[in-house]
Amino acid sequence: MSDDGTFPSSRRALLLAAGSASVAALTAGCGRPAATPASGATPGCVLAVKAGAGPNYAGPGRTRSDVTDGREGVPLRLELTVVRAADGCRPLAGAAVDIWQADAAGVYSEGRETYLRGVQVTDGAGRCVFRTIVPGWYAGLAPHIHFKVRPGAGTETTSQFFLPEDFLREVYARQPYAKRKAPRSPNAHDDRYRAAAGTMTLAPVAEGGGYRAAYTVGIA
């Protein structure tokens, strides 16, 4: 179910293979999603599921990599690679990627505020990087990071990333998240999380005082 209480109007699963694999290897990989490796490297395959934007999308944000605006929270470096499924999983250069999310207290920026919102344009390898924080929880929904890929005028793909419950429990024991009593099972009651069956769940790895997570986003 989306943030505004409605179920996504469409759901399409795309099994993608990235890297230098041959077409034959790509075909052999169909039918089984592969999770992000524990190393945090960009996954070879990804099952991308469309979802609604929810009520907190405020249109394209500022073009920037660091979206924190000084907001407190555990740092998260989000490394994304965008590929075109209909063109042999070719990395897609020049695509605008928006992200938006809640802060550690579960609050979104609004009005003139722009924290935890931003846009990057993918490079020649289809890659972009955001520096953000681990999102807080709100309204009984699984903690998530919204994203939208806009490869050109009039076309877009919207979805969201989730985070593993063990990881969330560990992070939420730290400040500033620990100022609130965290849910015992942050993801358990969210229909969207269950519908994605784990395929949109990041696999963060420790990096300095925070974490890093890589993900390959496939669009039609």
C-alpha atoms as a PDB file:
ATOM      1  CA  MET A   1       0.000   0.000   0.000  1.00  0.00           C
ATOM      2  CA  SER A   2       1.286   3.487  -0.855  1.00  0.00           C
ATOM      3  CA  ASP A   3       1.827   6.350   1.594  1.00  0.00           C
ATOM      4  CA  ASP A   4      -1.553   7.836   0.704  1.00  0.00           C
ATOM      5  CA  GLY A   5      -3.371   4.595   1.563  1.00  0.00           C
ATOM      6  CA  THR A   6      -3.804   3.300  -1.969  1.00  0.00           C
ATOM      7  CA  PHE A   7      -2.246   0.292  -3.599  1.00  0.00           C
ATOM      8  CA  PRO A   8       0.167   0.870  -6.504  1.00  0.00           C
ATOM      9  CA  SER A   9      -1.680   1.059  -9.782  1.00  0.00           C
ATOM     10  CA  SER A  10       0.899  -1.072 -11.556  1.00  0.00           C
ATOM     11  CA  ARG A  11       3.561  -3.535 -10.668  1.00  0.00           C
ATOM     12  CA  ARG A  12       6.151  -4.762 -13.108  1.00  0.00           C
ATOM     13  CA  ALA A  13       9.058  -6.995 -12.199  1.00  0.00           C
ATOM     14  CA  LEU A  14      12.120  -6.736 -14.412  1.00  0.00           C
ATOM     15  CA  LEU A  15      14.955  -9.216 -13.982  1.00  0.00           C
ATOM     16  CA  LEU A  16      18.103  -7.488 -15.151  1.00  0.00           C
ATOM     17  CA  ALA A  17      21.732  -8.441 -15.563  1.00  0.00           C
ATOM     18  CA  ALA A  18      24.494  -5.843 -15.570  1.00  0.00           C
ATOM     19  CA  GLY A  19      28.215  -5.722 -16.176  1.00  0.00           C
ATOM     20  CA  SER A  20      30.093  -7.295 -19.061  1.00  0.00           C
ATOM     21  CA  ALA A  21      28.079 -10.525 -19.300  1.00  0.00           C
ATOM     22  CA  SER A  22      27.160 -11.758 -22.754  1.00  0.00           C
ATOM     23  CA  VAL A  23      23.583 -11.913 -24.038  1.00  0.00           C
ATOM     24  CA  ALA A  24      23.609 -15.677 -23.487  1.00  0.00           C
ATOM     25  CA  ALA A  25      24.628 -15.201 -19.894  1.00  0.00           C
ATOM     26  CA  LEU A  26      21.878 -12.661 -19.405  1.00  0.00           C
ATOM     27  CA  THR A  27      19.292 -15.084 -20.735  1.00  0.00           C
ATOM     28  CA  ALA A  28      20.578 -17.864 -18.474  1.00  0.00           C
ATOM     29  CA  GLY A  29      20.115 -15.609 -15.477  1.00  0.00           C
ATOM     30  CA  CYS A  30      16.415 -14.968 -16.057  1.00  0.00           C
ATOM     31  CA  GLY A  31      13.931 -16.284 -13.550  1.00  0.00           C
ATOM     32  CA  ARG A  32      16.020 -15.831 -10.395  1.00  0.00           C
ATOM     33  CA  PRO A  33      16.758 -12.486  -8.770  1.00  0.00           C
ATOM     34  CA  ALA A  34      20.133 -12.008  -7.160  1.00  0.00           C
ATOM     35  CA  ALA A  35      20.504  -9.937  -4.019  1.00  0.00           C
ATOM     36  CA  THR A  36      23.043  -7.183  -3.600  1.00  0.00           C
ATOM     37  CA  PRO A  37      26.374  -8.809  -2.672  1.00  0.00           C
ATOM     38  CA  ALA A  38      27.523  -8.529   0.921  1.00  0.00           C
ATOM     39  CA  SER A  39      30.466  -6.443  -0.285  1.00  0.00           C
ATOM     40  CA  GLY A  40      28.059  -3.678  -1.259  1.00  0.00           C
ATOM     41  CA  ALA A  41      29.103  -3.838  -4.935  1.00  0.00           C
ATOM     42  CA  THR A  42      26.523  -3.182  -7.630  1.00  0.00           C
ATOM     43  CA  PRO A  43      24.450  -6.387  -7.971  1.00  0.00           C
ATOM     44  CA  GLY A  44      24.589  -8.430 -11.145  1.00  0.00           C
ATOM     45  CA  CYS A  45      20.793  -8.800 -11.271  1.00  0.00           C
ATOM     46  CA  VAL A  46      17.967  -6.850  -9.727  1.00  0.00           C
ATOM     47  CA  LEU A  47      14.228  -7.261  -9.554  1.00  0.00           C
ATOM     48  CA  ALA A  48      12.783  -3.764  -9.826  1.00  0.00           C
ATOM     49  CA  VAL A  49       9.187  -3.237  -8.681  1.00  0.00           C
ATOM     50  CA  LYS A  50       7.175  -0.104  -9.447  1.00  0.00           C
ATOM     51  CA  ALA A  51       5.397   1.708  -6.600  1.00  0.00           C
ATOM     52  CA  GLY A  52       3.486   4.921  -6.024  1.00  0.00           C
ATOM     53  CA  ALA A  53       5.189   8.212  -5.177  1.00  0.00           C
ATOM     54  CA  GLY A  54       3.052   8.815  -2.083  1.00  0.00           C
ATOM     55  CA  PRO A  55       1.866  12.211  -0.853  1.00  0.00           C
ATOM     56  CA  ASN A  56       5.313  13.587   0.007  1.00  0.00           C
ATOM     57  CA  TYR A  57       6.724  13.969  -3.498  1.00  0.00           C
ATOM     58  CA  ALA A  58       7.261  17.675  -4.141  1.00  0.00           C
ATOM     59  CA  GLY A  59       8.504  17.578  -7.721  1.00  0.00           C
ATOM     60  CA  PRO A  60      12.110  17.496  -8.930  1.00  0.00           C
ATOM     61  CA  GLY A  61      14.460  18.662  -6.202  1.00  0.00           C
ATOM     62  CA  ARG A  62      17.780  20.478  -6.260  1.00  0.00           C
ATOM     63  CA  THR A  63      20.557  18.907  -8.304  1.00  0.00           C
ATOM     64  CA  ARG A  64      23.059  17.691  -5.721  1.00  0.00           C
ATOM     65  CA  SER A  65      24.695  14.566  -4.358  1.00  0.00           C
ATOM     66  CA  ASP A  66      24.641  15.402  -0.634  1.00  0.00           C
ATOM     67  CA  VAL A  67      20.985  15.801   0.358  1.00  0.00           C
ATOM     68  CA  THR A  68      21.394  15.864   4.138  1.00  0.00           C
ATOM     69  CA  ASP A  69      21.255  19.658   4.686  1.00  0.00           C
ATOM     70  CA  GLY A  70      22.829  19.029   8.091  1.00  0.00           C
ATOM     71  CA  ARG A  71      20.070  16.622   9.168  1.00  0.00           C
ATOM     72  CA  GLU A  72      21.215  14.301  11.958  1.00  0.00           C
ATOM     73  CA  GLY A  73      21.282  10.575  11.315  1.00  0.00           C
ATOM     74  CA  VAL A  74      23.485   7.610  10.458  1.00  0.00           C
ATOM     75  CA  PRO A  75      25.185   8.370   7.109  1.00  0.00           C
ATOM     76  CA  LEU A  76      24.202   6.280   4.101  1.00  0.00           C
ATOM     77  CA  ARG A  77      25.992   6.456   0.749  1.00  0.00           C
ATOM     78  CA  LEU A  78      23.562   5.284  -1.925  1.00  0.00           C
ATOM     79  CA  GLU A  79      25.242   4.172  -5.153  1.00  0.00           C
ATOM     80  CA  LEU A  80      22.780   3.641  -7.995  1.00  0.00           C
ATOM     81  CA  THR A  81      23.233   2.289 -11.517  1.00  0.00           C
ATOM     82  CA  VAL A  82      20.376   2.767 -13.984  1.00  0.00           C
ATOM     83  CA  VAL A  83      20.047   0.337 -16.901  1.00  0.00           C
ATOM     84  CA  ARG A  84      17.598   0.042 -19.803  1.00  0.00           C
ATOM     85  CA  ALA A  85      15.931  -3.398 -19.824  1.00  0.00           C
ATOM     86  CA  ALA A  86      14.627  -3.107 -23.373  1.00  0.00           C
ATOM     87  CA  ASP A  87      18.106  -2.455 -24.752  1.00  0.00           C
ATOM     88  CA  GLY A  88      20.105  -5.398 -23.449  1.00  0.00           C
ATOM     89  CA  CYS A  89      20.398  -3.932 -19.955  1.00  0.00           C
ATOM     90  CA  ARG A  90      22.525  -1.098 -21.305  1.00  0.00           C
ATOM     91  CA  PRO A  91      23.625   1.482 -18.700  1.00  0.00           C
ATOM     92  CA  LEU A  92      21.513   4.588 -19.161  1.00  0.00           C
ATOM     93  CA  ALA A  93      23.404   7.888 -19.246  1.00  0.00           C
ATOM     94  CA  GLY A  94      21.756  11.252 -18.721  1.00  0.00           C
ATOM     95  CA  ALA A  95      18.768  10.014 -16.709  1.00  0.00           C
ATOM     96  CA  ALA A  96      17.557  12.218 -13.857  1.00  0.00           C
ATOM     97  CA  VAL A  97      17.201  10.334 -10.569  1.00  0.00           C
ATOM     98  CA  ASP A  98      15.217  11.900  -7.714  1.00  0.00           C
ATOM     99  CA  ILE A  99      15.242  10.647  -4.134  1.00  0.00           C
ATOM    100  CA  TRP A 100      13.150  11.831  -1.184  1.00  0.00           C
ATOM    101  CA  GLN A 101      12.750  10.399   2.304  1.00  0.00           C
ATOM    102  CA  ALA A 102      11.924  11.059   5.947  1.00  0.00           C
ATOM    103  CA  ASP A 103      14.531  12.187   8.470  1.00  0.00           C
ATOM    104  CA  ALA A 104      15.482  10.314  11.651  1.00  0.00           C
ATOM    105  CA  ALA A 105      12.273  11.517  13.312  1.00  0.00           C
ATOM    106  CA  GLY A 106      10.117  10.249  10.436  1.00  0.00           C
ATOM    107  CA  VAL A 107       9.447  13.751   9.065  1.00  0.00           C
ATOM    108  CA  TYR A 108       9.649  14.917   5.434  1.00  0.00           C
ATOM    109  CA  SER A 109      10.796  18.366   4.403  1.00  0.00           C
ATOM    110  CA  GLU A 110       8.097  20.639   3.052  1.00  0.00           C
ATOM    111  CA  GLY A 111       7.566  24.200   1.924  1.00  0.00           C
ATOM    112  CA  ARG A 112      10.901  25.970   1.591  1.00  0.00           C
ATOM    113  CA  GLU A 113      12.770  23.129   3.275  1.00  0.00           C
ATOM    114  CA  THR A 114      14.688  20.766   1.008  1.00  0.00           C
ATOM    115  CA  TYR A 115      16.417  18.342   3.356  1.00  0.00           C
ATOM    116  CA  LEU A 116      16.661  14.737   2.204  1.00  0.00           C
ATOM    117  CA  ARG A 117      15.508  15.585  -1.301  1.00  0.00           C
ATOM    118  CA  GLY A 118      17.671  15.868  -4.388  1.00  0.00           C
ATOM    119  CA  VAL A 119      18.381  14.952  -7.983  1.00  0.00           C
ATOM    120  CA  GLN A 120      21.404  13.498  -9.737  1.00  0.00           C
ATOM    121  CA  VAL A 121      21.957  12.814 -13.442  1.00  0.00           C
ATOM    122  CA  THR A 122      23.538   9.490 -14.335  1.00  0.00           C
ATOM    123  CA  ASP A 123      26.999   9.503 -15.891  1.00  0.00           C
ATOM    124  CA  GLY A 124      28.175   7.560 -18.955  1.00  0.00           C
ATOM    125  CA  ALA A 125      28.101   4.320 -16.959  1.00  0.00           C
ATOM    126  CA  GLY A 126      24.550   4.950 -15.771  1.00  0.00           C
ATOM    127  CA  ARG A 127      25.730   5.730 -12.245  1.00  0.00           C
ATOM    128  CA  CYS A 128      24.959   8.353  -9.630  1.00  0.00           C
ATOM    129  CA  VAL A 129      25.660   8.695  -5.908  1.00  0.00           C
ATOM    130  CA  PHE A 130      23.628  10.216  -3.086  1.00  0.00           C
ATOM    131  CA  ARG A 131      24.872  10.995   0.394  1.00  0.00           C
ATOM    132  CA  THR A 132      21.933  10.727   2.745  1.00  0.00           C
ATOM    133  CA  ILE A 133      21.019   9.173   6.110  1.00  0.00           C
ATOM    134  CA  VAL A 134      19.168   6.053   7.162  1.00  0.00           C
ATOM    135  CA  PRO A 135      15.485   7.083   7.155  1.00  0.00           C
ATOM    136  CA  GLY A 136      13.366   7.029  10.291  1.00  0.00           C
ATOM    137  CA  TRP A 137       9.972   5.359  10.576  1.00  0.00           C
ATOM    138  CA  TYR A 138       6.458   6.773  10.559  1.00  0.00           C
ATOM    139  CA  ALA A 139       2.785   5.786  10.356  1.00  0.00           C
ATOM    140  CA  GLY A 140       3.441   2.065  10.746  1.00  0.00           C
ATOM    141  CA  LEU A 141       5.083   1.849   7.306  1.00  0.00           C
ATOM    142  CA  ALA A 142       8.350   0.109   6.556  1.00  0.00           C
ATOM    143  CA  PRO A 143      11.186   2.686   6.556  1.00  0.00           C
ATOM    144  CA  HIS A 144      11.959   3.535   2.947  1.00  0.00           C
ATOM    145  CA  ILE A 145      13.669   5.828   0.461  1.00  0.00           C
ATOM    146  CA  HIS A 146      11.550   6.915  -2.495  1.00  0.00           C
ATOM    147  CA  PHE A 147      13.136   7.309  -5.907  1.00  0.00           C
ATOM    148  CA  LYS A 148      12.045   8.315  -9.380  1.00  0.00           C
ATOM    149  CA  VAL A 149      13.993   7.780 -12.611  1.00  0.00           C
ATOM    150  CA  ARG A 150      13.226  10.238 -15.428  1.00  0.00           C
ATOM    151  CA  PRO A 151      15.066   9.155 -18.603  1.00  0.00           C
ATOM    152  CA  GLY A 152      13.353  11.765 -20.765  1.00  0.00           C
ATOM    153  CA  ALA A 153      10.412  14.126 -21.081  1.00  0.00           C
ATOM    154  CA  GLY A 154       7.126  12.461 -20.202  1.00  0.00           C
ATOM    155  CA  THR A 155       8.584   9.158 -19.011  1.00  0.00           C
ATOM    156  CA  GLU A 156       9.395   8.066 -15.476  1.00  0.00           C
ATOM    157  CA  THR A 157       9.675   5.041 -13.204  1.00  0.00           C
ATOM    158  CA  THR A 158       8.862   5.406  -9.497  1.00  0.00           C
ATOM    159  CA  SER A 159       9.701   2.990  -6.711  1.00  0.00           C
ATOM    160  CA  GLN A 160      11.263   2.809  -3.250  1.00  0.00           C
ATOM    161  CA  PHE A 161      14.032   1.076  -1.384  1.00  0.00           C
ATOM    162  CA  PHE A 162      13.607  -0.763   1.900  1.00  0.00           C
ATOM    163  CA  LEU A 163      16.176  -1.803   4.517  1.00  0.00           C
ATOM    164  CA  PRO A 164      16.682  -5.112   6.393  1.00  0.00           C
ATOM    165  CA  GLU A 165      15.002  -5.320   9.793  1.00  0.00           C
ATOM    166  CA  ASP A 166      18.149  -6.466  11.625  1.00  0.00           C
ATOM    167  CA  PHE A 167      19.975  -3.474  10.207  1.00  0.00           C
ATOM    168  CA  LEU A 168      17.175  -1.086  11.186  1.00  0.00           C
ATOM    169  CA  ARG A 169      17.026  -2.379  14.753  1.00  0.00           C
ATOM    170  CA  GLU A 170      20.770  -1.837  15.099  1.00  0.00           C
ATOM    171  CA  VAL A 171      20.640   1.689  13.661  1.00  0.00           C
ATOM    172  CA  TYR A 172      17.535   2.675  15.621  1.00  0.00           C
ATOM    173  CA  ALA A 173      19.346   1.873  18.866  1.00  0.00           C
ATOM    174  CA  ARG A 174      21.672   4.789  18.043  1.00  0.00           C
ATOM    175  CA  GLN A 175      21.051   8.497  18.321  1.00  0.00           C
ATOM    176  CA  PRO A 176      19.152  10.446  17.128  1.00  0.00           C
ATOM    177  CA  TYR A 177      16.760   7.568  16.316  1.00  0.00           C
ATOM    178  CA  ALA A 178      16.781   6.309  19.911  1.00  0.00           C
ATOM    179  CA  LYS A 179      14.920   9.439  21.048  1.00  0.00           C
ATOM    180  CA  ARG A 180      11.784   7.550  20.008  1.00  0.00           C
ATOM    181  CA  LYS A 181      10.752   3.982  20.798  1.00  0.00           C
ATOM    182  CA  ALA A 182      11.390   2.072  17.589  1.00  0.00           C
ATOM    183  CA  PRO A 183       8.923  -0.538  16.319  1.00  0.00           C
ATOM    184  CA  ARG A 184       9.923  -4.103  17.146  1.00  0.00           C
ATOM    185  CA  SER A 185       9.387  -5.248  13.559  1.00  0.00           C
ATOM    186  CA  PRO A 186       9.767  -2.148  11.331  1.00  0.00           C
ATOM    187  CA  ASN A 187       8.862  -3.888   8.057  1.00  0.00           C
ATOM    188  CA  ALA A 188       6.385  -6.538   9.161  1.00  0.00           C
ATOM    189  CA  HIS A 189       3.087  -4.693   8.666  1.00  0.00           C
ATOM    190  CA  ASP A 190       3.749  -2.942   5.350  1.00  0.00           C
ATOM    191  CA  ASP A 191       1.945  -4.406   2.337  1.00  0.00           C
ATOM    192  CA  ARG A 192       4.397  -2.749  -0.046  1.00  0.00           C
ATOM    193  CA  TYR A 193       7.359  -4.395   1.619  1.00  0.00           C
ATOM    194  CA  ARG A 194       5.711  -7.808   1.454  1.00  0.00           C
ATOM    195  CA  ALA A 195       4.662  -7.268  -2.174  1.00  0.00           C
ATOM    196  CA  ALA A 196       8.261  -6.531  -3.179  1.00  0.00           C
ATOM    197  CA  ALA A 197       9.303  -9.829  -1.529  1.00  0.00           C
ATOM    198  CA  GLY A 198      12.669  -8.419  -0.540  1.00  0.00           C
ATOM    199  CA  THR A 199      13.698  -7.451  -4.053  1.00  0.00           C
ATOM    200  CA  MET A 200      13.807  -3.722  -3.336  1.00  0.00           C
ATOM    201  CA  THR A 201      15.681  -4.161  -0.048  1.00  0.00           C
ATOM    202  CA  LEU A 202      19.144  -2.646   0.121  1.00  0.00           C
ATOM    203  CA  ALA A 203      22.097  -4.496   1.631  1.00  0.00           C
ATOM    204  CA  PRO A 204      24.104  -1.831   3.475  1.00  0.00           C
ATOM    205  CA  VAL A 205      27.721  -2.478   4.454  1.00  0.00           C
ATOM    206  CA  ALA A 206      29.676  -0.527   7.044  1.00  0.00           C
ATOM    207  CA  GLU A 207      31.752   2.363   5.747  1.00  0.00           C
ATOM    208  CA  GLY A 208      33.450   4.703   8.200  1.00  0.00           C
ATOM    209  CA  GLY A 209      30.879   5.870  10.712  1.00  0.00           C
ATOM    210  CA  GLY A 210      27.998   4.994   8.405  1.00  0.00           C
ATOM    211  CA  TYR A 211      27.022   2.625   5.619  1.00  0.00           C
ATOM    212  CA  ARG A 212      27.142   2.187   1.854  1.00  0.00           C
ATOM    213  CA  ALA A 213      24.577   0.443  -0.352  1.00  0.00           C
ATOM    214  CA  ALA A 214      24.660  -0.188  -4.113  1.00  0.00           C
ATOM    215  CA  TYR A 215      21.716  -1.056  -6.321  1.00  0.00           C
ATOM    216  CA  THR A 216      21.020  -1.496 -10.040  1.00  0.00           C
ATOM    217  CA  VAL A 217      17.709   0.055 -11.094  1.00  0.00           C
ATOM    218  CA  GLY A 218      16.184  -1.373 -14.244  1.00  0.00           C
ATOM    219  CA  ILE A 219      13.626   0.566 -16.279  1.00  0.00           C
ATOM    220  CA  ALA A 220      11.603  -0.495 -19.305  1.00  0.00           C
END
